Protein backbone atom coordinates (compact mmCIF):
# COMPACT_ATOMS: atom_id res chain seq x y z
CA MET A 1 -15.12 -177.05 120.81
CA LYS A 2 -14.84 -177.15 117.04
CA ARG A 3 -11.42 -176.33 115.67
CA HIS A 4 -10.97 -173.89 112.78
CA ARG A 5 -9.98 -175.87 109.74
CA ALA A 6 -7.49 -174.51 107.23
CA PRO A 7 -8.09 -174.82 103.48
CA HIS A 8 -8.04 -178.28 101.95
CA GLY A 9 -9.42 -179.70 105.19
CA SER A 10 -6.29 -179.12 107.21
CA PRO A 11 -6.84 -178.26 110.89
CA GLU A 12 -4.13 -176.00 112.21
CA GLY A 13 -1.39 -178.06 113.74
CA SER A 14 -3.02 -181.38 112.73
CA ALA A 15 -0.77 -184.39 112.49
CA SER A 16 -0.18 -186.44 109.43
CA PRO A 17 -1.25 -190.08 109.89
CA SER A 18 0.67 -191.30 106.87
CA LYS A 19 4.34 -190.92 107.87
CA ARG A 20 6.47 -192.10 110.76
CA GLY A 21 9.84 -191.15 112.19
CA PHE A 22 11.51 -187.79 111.68
CA LEU A 23 9.74 -187.06 108.39
CA GLY A 24 6.44 -187.92 110.02
CA ARG A 25 7.05 -185.50 112.86
CA LEU A 26 8.14 -182.84 110.37
CA ASP A 27 5.03 -183.49 108.29
CA ALA A 28 2.86 -183.29 111.40
CA PHE A 29 4.47 -180.05 112.60
CA PHE A 30 3.96 -178.22 109.31
CA GLY A 31 0.73 -180.04 108.37
CA ILE A 32 2.05 -180.85 104.89
CA THR A 33 0.00 -183.94 104.02
CA ALA A 34 -3.04 -182.59 105.85
CA ALA A 35 -2.88 -179.46 103.66
CA GLY A 36 -2.99 -181.60 100.53
CA SER A 37 0.70 -181.07 99.75
CA ASP A 38 3.92 -183.07 99.92
CA PHE A 39 7.62 -182.48 100.59
CA LYS A 40 8.58 -182.28 96.92
CA ARG A 41 5.96 -179.65 96.16
CA GLU A 42 6.88 -177.59 99.23
CA ILE A 43 10.60 -177.70 98.39
CA LEU A 44 10.00 -176.66 94.79
CA ALA A 45 7.73 -173.85 95.99
CA GLY A 46 10.44 -172.67 98.41
CA LEU A 47 13.01 -172.73 95.61
CA THR A 48 10.64 -170.74 93.40
CA THR A 49 10.12 -168.12 96.12
CA PHE A 50 13.85 -167.82 96.77
CA THR A 51 14.65 -167.45 93.07
CA ALA A 52 11.96 -164.77 92.73
CA MET A 53 13.26 -162.63 95.61
CA VAL A 54 17.00 -163.35 95.85
CA TYR A 55 17.57 -160.10 93.95
CA ILE A 56 16.97 -158.27 97.25
CA LEU A 57 20.38 -159.41 98.46
CA MET A 58 22.06 -157.46 95.65
CA ALA A 59 19.63 -154.53 95.43
CA ASN A 60 19.59 -153.81 99.17
CA SER A 61 23.35 -154.23 99.45
CA GLU A 62 23.92 -151.84 96.57
CA MET A 63 21.86 -149.20 98.40
CA PHE A 64 23.27 -149.58 101.90
CA ALA A 65 26.87 -149.85 100.68
CA LYS A 66 26.52 -146.13 99.91
CA VAL A 67 25.92 -145.21 103.55
CA ILE A 68 27.70 -147.79 105.73
CA PRO A 69 30.90 -146.15 107.02
CA ALA A 70 33.61 -148.68 106.10
CA GLU A 71 37.24 -148.61 105.05
CA ASN A 72 36.40 -149.46 101.43
CA ALA A 73 33.52 -150.25 99.09
CA ALA A 74 34.03 -154.01 99.34
CA ALA A 75 33.72 -153.95 103.13
CA ALA A 76 30.61 -151.75 103.00
CA TYR A 77 28.98 -154.06 100.44
CA GLY A 78 29.92 -157.18 102.42
CA ALA A 79 28.47 -155.75 105.62
CA ALA A 80 25.26 -154.74 103.85
CA TYR A 81 24.98 -158.13 102.14
CA LEU A 82 25.32 -160.08 105.39
CA ALA A 83 22.88 -157.81 107.21
CA THR A 84 20.33 -158.23 104.40
CA ALA A 85 20.73 -162.02 104.35
CA ILE A 86 20.39 -162.29 108.13
CA GLY A 87 17.21 -160.21 108.09
CA ALA A 88 15.80 -162.46 105.36
CA VAL A 89 16.75 -165.66 107.23
CA ALA A 90 15.24 -164.39 110.49
CA GLY A 91 11.97 -163.24 108.93
CA THR A 92 11.52 -166.27 106.69
CA MET A 93 12.31 -168.79 109.44
CA LEU A 94 9.87 -167.03 111.78
CA MET A 95 7.28 -167.28 109.03
CA ALA A 96 8.06 -171.01 108.78
CA PHE A 97 8.05 -171.98 112.46
CA PHE A 98 5.88 -169.33 114.14
CA ALA A 99 3.27 -168.40 111.53
CA LYS A 100 3.64 -171.70 109.60
CA MET A 101 2.78 -170.01 106.32
CA PRO A 102 4.42 -170.46 102.85
CA LEU A 103 5.67 -166.86 102.63
CA ALA A 104 9.15 -165.34 102.83
CA GLN A 105 10.48 -162.07 104.22
CA ALA A 106 13.38 -159.70 103.64
CA SER A 107 14.23 -155.99 103.76
CA GLY A 108 11.42 -154.18 101.95
CA MET A 109 11.99 -152.26 98.76
CA GLY A 110 10.75 -148.74 99.29
CA ILE A 111 11.54 -148.69 102.99
CA ASN A 112 15.23 -149.19 102.22
CA ALA A 113 15.09 -146.36 99.69
CA PHE A 114 13.39 -144.12 102.25
CA ILE A 115 16.12 -144.77 104.82
CA VAL A 116 19.08 -144.46 102.44
CA TYR A 117 17.99 -141.61 100.20
CA SER A 118 15.59 -139.62 102.38
CA LEU A 119 16.98 -140.01 105.89
CA ILE A 120 20.72 -140.49 105.35
CA LEU A 121 21.61 -138.98 101.96
CA GLY A 122 18.75 -136.48 102.12
CA GLY A 123 20.67 -134.05 104.32
CA THR A 124 18.85 -134.71 107.60
CA GLY A 125 22.10 -135.21 109.50
CA LEU A 126 21.16 -138.73 110.59
CA THR A 127 23.76 -141.50 110.33
CA TYR A 128 23.42 -145.13 109.26
CA ALA A 129 23.50 -146.21 112.92
CA ASN A 130 20.86 -143.60 113.83
CA CYS A 131 18.59 -145.07 111.17
CA MET A 132 19.08 -148.56 112.54
CA ALA A 133 17.91 -147.22 115.89
CA ILE A 134 14.85 -145.74 114.16
CA THR A 135 14.25 -149.14 112.50
CA LEU A 136 14.55 -150.97 115.83
CA LEU A 137 12.03 -148.60 117.41
CA ASN A 138 9.83 -149.12 114.36
CA GLY A 139 9.89 -152.89 114.88
CA ALA A 140 9.07 -152.51 118.58
CA LEU A 141 6.28 -150.07 117.70
CA PHE A 142 4.89 -152.51 115.12
CA LEU A 143 4.89 -155.19 117.81
CA ILE A 144 2.93 -153.02 120.26
CA LEU A 145 0.52 -151.73 117.61
CA THR A 146 -0.17 -155.27 116.38
CA LEU A 147 -0.80 -156.66 119.86
CA THR A 148 -3.13 -153.77 120.77
CA GLY A 149 -4.97 -153.58 117.44
CA VAL A 150 -3.95 -149.93 116.93
CA ARG A 151 -2.11 -150.85 113.72
CA LYS A 152 -5.43 -151.36 111.96
CA ARG A 153 -6.79 -148.02 113.19
CA ILE A 154 -3.79 -146.09 111.90
CA PHE A 155 -4.22 -147.83 108.55
CA GLU A 156 -7.86 -146.73 108.42
CA ALA A 157 -6.98 -143.13 109.42
CA ILE A 158 -5.04 -142.58 106.19
CA PRO A 159 -7.24 -141.32 103.33
CA ALA A 160 -7.81 -143.87 100.57
CA GLY A 161 -6.20 -141.64 97.94
CA ILE A 162 -2.96 -141.51 99.91
CA ARG A 163 -3.05 -145.24 100.69
CA HIS A 164 -3.19 -145.93 96.94
CA ALA A 165 -0.64 -143.22 96.12
CA ILE A 166 2.06 -144.51 98.50
CA PRO A 167 2.99 -147.64 96.49
CA ILE A 168 2.84 -145.60 93.26
CA GLY A 169 5.15 -142.94 94.67
CA ILE A 170 7.54 -145.54 96.08
CA GLY A 171 7.60 -147.34 92.75
CA LEU A 172 8.36 -144.14 90.85
CA PHE A 173 11.01 -143.19 93.40
CA ILE A 174 12.74 -146.59 93.24
CA ALA A 175 12.62 -146.59 89.43
CA PHE A 176 14.09 -143.07 89.37
CA VAL A 177 16.92 -144.22 91.65
CA GLY A 178 17.58 -147.14 89.30
CA LEU A 179 17.60 -144.89 86.25
CA GLN A 180 20.11 -142.61 87.97
CA ASP A 181 22.33 -145.46 89.18
CA ALA A 182 22.54 -146.85 85.66
CA GLY A 183 23.20 -143.44 84.12
CA VAL A 184 20.02 -143.52 82.04
CA ILE A 185 18.96 -140.24 83.65
CA THR A 186 21.76 -137.73 84.17
CA ALA A 187 22.13 -134.22 85.56
CA ASP A 188 21.49 -131.25 83.31
CA PRO A 189 22.24 -127.60 84.20
CA SER A 190 19.13 -126.20 82.52
CA THR A 191 16.46 -128.86 83.09
CA LEU A 192 18.08 -130.50 86.17
CA VAL A 193 17.71 -133.99 84.65
CA THR A 194 17.88 -135.39 81.13
CA LEU A 195 18.12 -138.67 79.22
CA VAL A 196 21.64 -139.92 78.58
CA SER A 197 22.93 -139.37 75.06
CA PHE A 198 23.44 -142.47 72.94
CA ASN A 199 25.15 -140.46 70.21
CA LEU A 200 28.33 -142.38 69.33
CA LEU A 201 29.85 -139.18 67.95
CA GLY A 202 28.95 -137.11 71.00
CA THR A 203 30.86 -136.38 74.19
CA ASN A 204 29.36 -139.21 76.21
CA THR A 205 31.73 -142.13 76.79
CA TYR A 206 31.15 -145.66 75.55
CA PHE A 207 31.36 -146.93 79.14
CA ASN A 208 28.48 -144.69 80.28
CA MET A 209 26.33 -145.64 77.30
CA VAL A 210 26.86 -149.34 78.04
CA GLY A 211 25.49 -148.98 81.57
CA ALA A 212 22.38 -147.14 80.42
CA LEU A 213 21.78 -149.55 77.53
CA VAL A 214 22.15 -152.65 79.73
CA ALA A 215 19.69 -151.29 82.31
CA LEU A 216 17.04 -150.57 79.67
CA LEU A 217 17.53 -153.91 77.92
CA GLY A 218 17.42 -155.58 81.31
CA VAL A 219 13.96 -154.15 81.96
CA VAL A 220 12.82 -155.39 78.54
CA ALA A 221 14.18 -158.87 79.31
CA ILE A 222 12.51 -159.01 82.72
CA ALA A 223 9.21 -157.90 81.17
CA ALA A 224 9.55 -160.62 78.53
CA PHE A 225 10.19 -163.24 81.23
CA ALA A 226 7.14 -162.01 83.14
CA LYS A 227 5.05 -162.16 79.97
CA LYS A 228 6.11 -165.77 79.47
CA ASN A 229 5.56 -166.60 83.19
CA VAL A 230 9.17 -167.63 83.65
CA LYS A 231 9.82 -168.52 87.29
CA GLY A 232 12.32 -166.15 88.89
CA GLY A 233 12.32 -163.94 85.79
CA LEU A 234 13.61 -160.94 87.72
CA PHE A 235 16.62 -162.90 88.97
CA TRP A 236 17.37 -164.29 85.51
CA GLY A 237 17.01 -160.80 84.09
CA ILE A 238 19.67 -159.57 86.51
CA LEU A 239 22.01 -162.40 85.53
CA GLY A 240 21.42 -161.80 81.83
CA SER A 241 22.03 -158.07 82.23
CA THR A 242 25.24 -158.85 84.09
CA ALA A 243 26.48 -161.10 81.29
CA LEU A 244 25.64 -158.47 78.67
CA TYR A 245 27.36 -155.75 80.70
CA TYR A 246 30.58 -157.74 80.95
CA ALA A 247 30.46 -158.62 77.26
CA LEU A 248 30.00 -155.01 76.14
CA THR A 249 32.59 -153.58 78.54
CA GLY A 250 34.96 -156.35 77.42
CA ILE A 251 34.55 -155.23 73.82
CA GLY A 252 35.19 -151.68 74.95
CA ALA A 253 38.36 -152.69 76.79
CA ALA A 254 39.58 -154.57 73.72
CA CYS A 255 38.95 -151.48 71.59
CA GLY A 256 40.94 -149.25 73.92
CA SER A 257 38.33 -147.73 76.23
CA VAL A 258 40.20 -146.49 79.29
CA ALA A 259 37.08 -146.58 81.49
CA CYS A 260 36.32 -150.18 80.50
CA ARG A 261 39.90 -151.24 81.23
CA GLU A 262 39.77 -149.52 84.62
CA PHE A 263 36.52 -151.33 85.35
CA TYR A 264 38.13 -154.72 84.74
CA GLY A 265 41.22 -153.65 86.65
CA SER A 266 39.14 -152.91 89.75
CA PHE A 267 38.08 -156.55 90.21
CA THR A 268 38.88 -158.23 93.51
CA LEU A 269 37.24 -161.55 94.37
CA THR A 270 37.47 -161.49 98.15
CA ASP A 271 37.28 -164.28 100.71
CA PRO A 272 33.58 -164.90 101.46
CA PHE A 273 34.32 -164.80 105.18
CA SER A 274 35.66 -161.25 104.89
CA ALA A 275 32.05 -160.12 104.59
CA PHE A 276 31.37 -161.61 108.02
CA ALA A 277 34.28 -159.64 109.46
CA ALA A 278 33.05 -156.43 107.81
CA TRP A 279 29.52 -157.06 109.06
CA GLY A 280 30.72 -157.64 112.61
CA LYS A 281 32.79 -154.46 112.50
CA HIS A 282 30.44 -152.03 110.75
CA SER A 283 26.84 -153.28 111.00
CA PHE A 284 26.19 -155.79 113.76
CA ALA A 285 24.86 -154.04 116.91
CA ALA A 286 25.74 -150.60 115.51
CA VAL A 287 22.23 -149.70 116.65
CA PHE A 288 23.38 -150.09 120.27
CA THR A 289 26.94 -148.76 120.06
CA GLN A 290 26.24 -145.71 117.89
CA GLY A 291 22.54 -145.64 117.02
CA PHE A 292 21.36 -143.46 119.88
CA ASP A 293 24.18 -140.96 119.54
CA PHE A 294 22.59 -138.00 117.74
CA SER A 295 25.46 -135.59 118.41
CA GLY A 296 26.15 -135.28 114.67
CA TYR A 297 22.60 -134.15 114.03
CA LEU A 298 22.46 -131.84 117.04
CA GLY A 299 25.82 -130.33 116.10
CA THR A 300 24.44 -129.07 112.79
CA PRO A 301 23.38 -125.37 112.84
CA GLY A 302 19.59 -125.02 113.10
CA ASN A 303 19.04 -128.43 114.65
CA ASN A 304 18.00 -128.94 118.26
CA ALA A 305 16.22 -131.44 120.48
CA GLY A 306 12.83 -130.19 119.30
CA THR A 307 13.57 -130.61 115.59
CA LEU A 308 15.09 -134.02 116.32
CA ALA A 309 11.93 -135.13 118.12
CA VAL A 310 9.74 -134.03 115.20
CA LEU A 311 12.04 -135.72 112.68
CA LEU A 312 12.04 -138.98 114.64
CA VAL A 313 8.26 -139.04 115.08
CA THR A 314 7.50 -138.30 111.42
CA SER A 315 10.15 -140.78 110.27
CA GLU A 316 8.60 -143.48 112.46
CA LEU A 317 5.19 -142.55 111.11
CA SER A 318 6.39 -142.80 107.51
CA LEU A 319 8.04 -146.17 108.17
CA CYS A 320 4.85 -147.42 109.82
CA MET A 321 2.67 -146.39 106.90
CA ILE A 322 4.97 -147.78 104.23
CA GLY A 323 5.43 -151.04 106.15
CA MET A 324 1.73 -151.44 106.92
CA PHE A 325 0.56 -150.94 103.35
CA ASP A 326 3.26 -153.24 101.98
CA THR A 327 2.55 -155.98 104.52
CA VAL A 328 -1.26 -155.93 104.51
CA GLY A 329 -1.46 -155.77 100.72
CA THR A 330 1.06 -158.57 100.27
CA LEU A 331 -0.55 -160.88 102.84
CA TYR A 332 -3.98 -160.58 101.26
CA GLY A 333 -2.65 -160.87 97.72
CA ALA A 334 -0.34 -163.84 98.30
CA CYS A 335 -2.74 -165.80 100.52
CA SER A 336 -5.68 -165.36 98.16
CA LYS A 337 -3.65 -167.06 95.40
CA GLY A 338 -3.28 -170.22 97.46
CA ASN A 339 -6.72 -170.36 99.05
CA LEU A 340 -5.09 -169.52 102.39
CA LEU A 341 -7.97 -167.35 103.62
CA ASP A 342 -10.52 -168.10 106.33
CA GLU A 343 -14.28 -167.90 105.92
CA ARG A 344 -14.15 -164.09 106.42
CA GLY A 345 -11.62 -163.67 103.62
CA VAL A 346 -8.81 -162.88 106.08
CA PRO A 347 -5.40 -164.57 105.65
CA LEU A 348 -4.88 -167.51 107.99
CA ARG A 349 -2.83 -166.69 111.12
CA MET A 350 -2.86 -163.02 110.15
CA GLU A 351 -1.84 -161.82 113.61
CA ARG A 352 1.09 -164.23 113.72
CA MET A 353 2.30 -163.10 110.32
CA MET A 354 2.18 -159.44 111.40
CA LEU A 355 4.00 -160.29 114.62
CA THR A 356 6.58 -162.09 112.50
CA ASP A 357 7.49 -158.98 110.50
CA SER A 358 7.63 -156.95 113.75
CA ILE A 359 10.08 -159.35 115.40
CA ALA A 360 12.09 -159.79 112.19
CA THR A 361 12.41 -156.01 111.84
CA CYS A 362 13.93 -155.83 115.34
CA VAL A 363 16.37 -158.62 114.45
CA GLY A 364 17.18 -156.95 111.14
CA ALA A 365 17.88 -153.61 112.83
CA VAL A 366 20.38 -155.25 115.18
CA ALA A 367 21.95 -156.99 112.17
CA GLY A 368 22.12 -153.65 110.34
CA THR A 369 19.35 -153.67 107.72
CA SER A 370 16.06 -151.87 107.14
CA THR A 371 12.51 -152.97 107.98
CA VAL A 372 11.77 -156.63 107.17
CA ILE A 373 8.45 -157.31 105.46
CA THR A 374 6.67 -160.15 103.66
CA PHE A 375 7.62 -160.06 99.98
CA VAL A 376 5.01 -159.99 97.26
CA GLU A 377 7.28 -162.39 95.33
CA SER A 378 6.17 -165.02 97.84
CA SER A 379 3.10 -165.30 95.65
CA SER A 380 5.24 -167.17 93.13
CA GLY A 381 5.90 -169.94 95.63
CA VAL A 382 2.24 -170.10 96.61
CA ALA A 383 1.31 -170.30 92.93
CA ALA A 384 3.82 -173.16 92.58
CA GLY A 385 1.88 -175.15 95.18
CA GLY A 386 3.35 -174.07 98.51
CA LYS A 387 0.78 -174.38 101.29
CA THR A 388 2.70 -174.67 104.56
CA GLY A 389 5.60 -173.26 106.51
CA PHE A 390 7.91 -175.85 104.96
CA THR A 391 7.94 -173.70 101.81
CA ALA A 392 9.25 -170.81 103.92
CA PHE A 393 11.71 -173.13 105.67
CA THR A 394 13.17 -174.14 102.31
CA ALA A 395 13.52 -170.52 101.20
CA GLY A 396 15.09 -169.67 104.57
CA LEU A 397 17.72 -172.39 104.16
CA LEU A 398 18.59 -171.03 100.72
CA PHE A 399 19.01 -167.51 102.13
CA LEU A 400 21.25 -169.02 104.79
CA ALA A 401 23.41 -170.70 102.15
CA ALA A 402 23.52 -167.47 100.12
CA MET A 403 25.34 -165.77 103.00
CA LEU A 404 28.56 -167.27 101.63
CA LEU A 405 28.09 -165.76 98.17
CA SER A 406 28.73 -162.07 98.87
CA PRO A 407 31.93 -161.90 96.74
CA ILE A 408 30.01 -163.28 93.74
CA ALA A 409 27.03 -161.02 94.39
CA ARG A 410 29.34 -158.00 94.40
CA LEU A 411 30.24 -158.78 90.80
CA ILE A 412 26.68 -157.85 89.81
CA PRO A 413 27.10 -154.36 88.28
CA ALA A 414 24.91 -151.38 89.17
CA PRO A 415 23.13 -151.34 85.76
CA ALA A 416 21.93 -154.93 86.35
CA THR A 417 20.46 -154.17 89.77
CA ALA A 418 19.09 -150.92 88.34
CA ALA A 419 17.04 -152.98 85.88
CA ALA A 420 15.47 -154.76 88.87
CA LEU A 421 14.67 -151.45 90.58
CA ILE A 422 13.02 -150.08 87.45
CA TRP A 423 10.94 -153.24 87.05
CA ILE A 424 9.79 -153.04 90.68
CA GLY A 425 8.64 -149.51 89.86
CA VAL A 426 6.62 -150.92 86.96
CA GLN A 427 4.94 -153.46 89.22
CA MET A 428 4.04 -150.91 91.89
CA MET A 429 2.19 -148.71 89.39
CA SER A 430 -0.81 -151.08 89.42
CA SER A 431 -2.32 -149.14 92.35
CA VAL A 432 -3.00 -146.22 90.01
CA THR A 433 -6.24 -147.94 88.93
CA LYS A 434 -7.52 -147.91 92.52
CA ILE A 435 -7.53 -144.10 92.71
CA ASP A 436 -10.91 -142.47 92.11
CA TRP A 437 -9.83 -140.08 89.37
CA GLU A 438 -13.44 -138.88 89.00
CA ASP A 439 -13.29 -137.42 92.52
CA PRO A 440 -11.26 -134.16 92.26
CA ALA A 441 -10.24 -134.28 95.93
CA ASP A 442 -9.08 -137.91 95.81
CA ALA A 443 -7.28 -137.33 92.51
CA ALA A 444 -5.48 -134.17 93.68
CA VAL A 445 -4.35 -135.71 96.97
CA ALA A 446 -3.03 -138.87 95.32
CA PHE A 447 -1.33 -136.95 92.51
CA LEU A 448 0.41 -134.51 94.87
CA SER A 449 1.56 -137.40 97.07
CA PHE A 450 3.36 -139.45 94.46
CA LEU A 451 4.57 -136.44 92.48
CA VAL A 452 6.30 -134.94 95.52
CA MET A 453 7.77 -138.36 96.39
CA LEU A 454 9.35 -138.50 92.94
CA LEU A 455 10.38 -134.91 92.26
CA GLY A 456 10.98 -133.97 95.89
CA TYR A 457 13.16 -137.07 96.24
CA SER A 458 11.48 -137.94 99.53
CA ILE A 459 8.84 -140.56 100.28
CA ALA A 460 8.07 -139.02 103.68
CA LYS A 461 7.52 -135.54 102.25
CA GLY A 462 5.16 -136.94 99.62
CA ILE A 463 3.07 -138.62 102.32
CA GLY A 464 3.09 -135.42 104.39
CA ILE A 465 2.04 -133.18 101.50
CA GLY A 466 -0.74 -135.59 100.60
CA ILE A 467 -2.17 -135.67 104.12
CA LEU A 468 -2.00 -131.89 104.51
CA ALA A 469 -3.65 -131.40 101.11
CA TYR A 470 -6.43 -133.82 102.10
CA ILE A 471 -7.09 -131.98 105.37
CA LEU A 472 -7.17 -128.58 103.63
CA ILE A 473 -9.55 -129.79 100.93
CA MET A 474 -11.90 -131.26 103.54
CA LEU A 475 -11.77 -128.03 105.57
CA VAL A 476 -12.55 -125.66 102.68
CA THR A 477 -15.36 -127.90 101.38
CA GLY A 478 -17.12 -128.04 104.75
CA ASN A 479 -16.26 -131.66 105.48
CA ALA A 480 -13.99 -131.10 108.46
CA LYS A 481 -16.02 -133.44 110.68
CA LYS A 482 -15.47 -136.31 108.26
CA VAL A 483 -11.72 -136.25 108.90
CA PRO A 484 -10.74 -138.72 111.67
CA VAL A 485 -8.94 -137.24 114.68
CA PRO A 486 -5.82 -139.42 114.07
CA THR A 487 -5.57 -137.90 110.58
CA TYR A 488 -5.46 -134.40 112.07
CA LEU A 489 -2.74 -135.52 114.49
CA ILE A 490 -0.68 -137.06 111.71
CA GLY A 491 -1.12 -133.89 109.63
CA ALA A 492 0.02 -131.72 112.55
CA LEU A 493 3.20 -133.77 112.90
CA PHE A 494 4.03 -133.43 109.22
CA LEU A 495 3.27 -129.70 109.31
CA ALA A 496 5.72 -129.35 112.20
CA THR A 497 8.29 -131.26 110.16
CA PHE A 498 7.98 -128.89 107.21
CA LEU A 499 8.12 -125.78 109.41
CA LEU A 500 10.87 -126.82 111.83
CA THR A 501 13.27 -129.13 109.99
């Protein structure tokens, strides 16, 4: 039987004839020499990947610190940081040893925003632990759907306009969250939202203006790094924004700003191991001890077992769709950059990679973080020459080492992480070119989807409105038979959500 051969003439699992001893066995296991690579190149690629996506440790922690019930902000941040790092280590090491591909994983941007802002802070009545239970079920569901091939069918049941609108809507939503966190966009009694005032003679404080200014300049810096192809530009943009923030608030403190002085007075550089204690107390296994206790939700007037069932099903559906589109798009995009596709144009070991994110999501849920996916930033490591799982192994080791840096990470101010969120929004807008704007139905469905995600402050509701709009348009234009049955079922679930919850 002829064996499938990977790119560069490397048969899967082939041994390297050129090295002996431990390094030889390592080379043989990952197929480094056989793939036309070497240890130095793989290590540098892993470092590049880690640098490009380490921002997730701060960004995800900043989000989940808002919803983890802890005795203080430091404990909540520490618990979130450890949970995020553990999810990244689990997913990336699985990618290294099970899928043997040069990609890295961590809690997905977009999914984390959906859980924090839509499910927990969105007034559903669900708790942080409840959402970890939903995430665990999502990982188990991903596992079953991947093994049975149903995952692909669900993907195909979603209209193209909505598939393209989801990343756009998520990007706009994340950017909007970043703009709010940094104070660039503020509340307004007449228009609901408005741009912060930079008028030095106005009523706005210097401290608030600094945060907004740093976030905007941070986006400019990150864009400049990207333009110049600087490796890890997003990470360096965060660090640069942090330095600028401290410099400007320091000037404010020296000039007598009370808010700036209070900011510096709030510093506490904690023991790095305190984050482990906070994680063990507030996040680890919360899915089992509190996750399936929905008494808080059921105790809210108007809620009952029926509305809970609808909310859980539609939440799982939304998580599945967001995760599927993120994962499939990233795998094809990253693997195509490194010639890691088979003769059909499908990423090598595709099934293993999808199983990896399913298993990692289950591990992440137990640790206390949201769905783990393959990061598009992995493309940077592939572009740097990474061809095997040793690239992922290197990135995984760096995430493991970063677990001790939570006190330093907590010093990154909100405006600096906000700059990263806004930039991610910029990147996710590229899907807008894939929408058929000449087709009124496709255009309307896509537009309604991402507009509701942004202005309705809910990713799930945007997806639901888009699917219902698509079904209605097809019905009134006499194309009802062209709508797949699964699409009708998904639409019915979202309709029940809108009517009952």
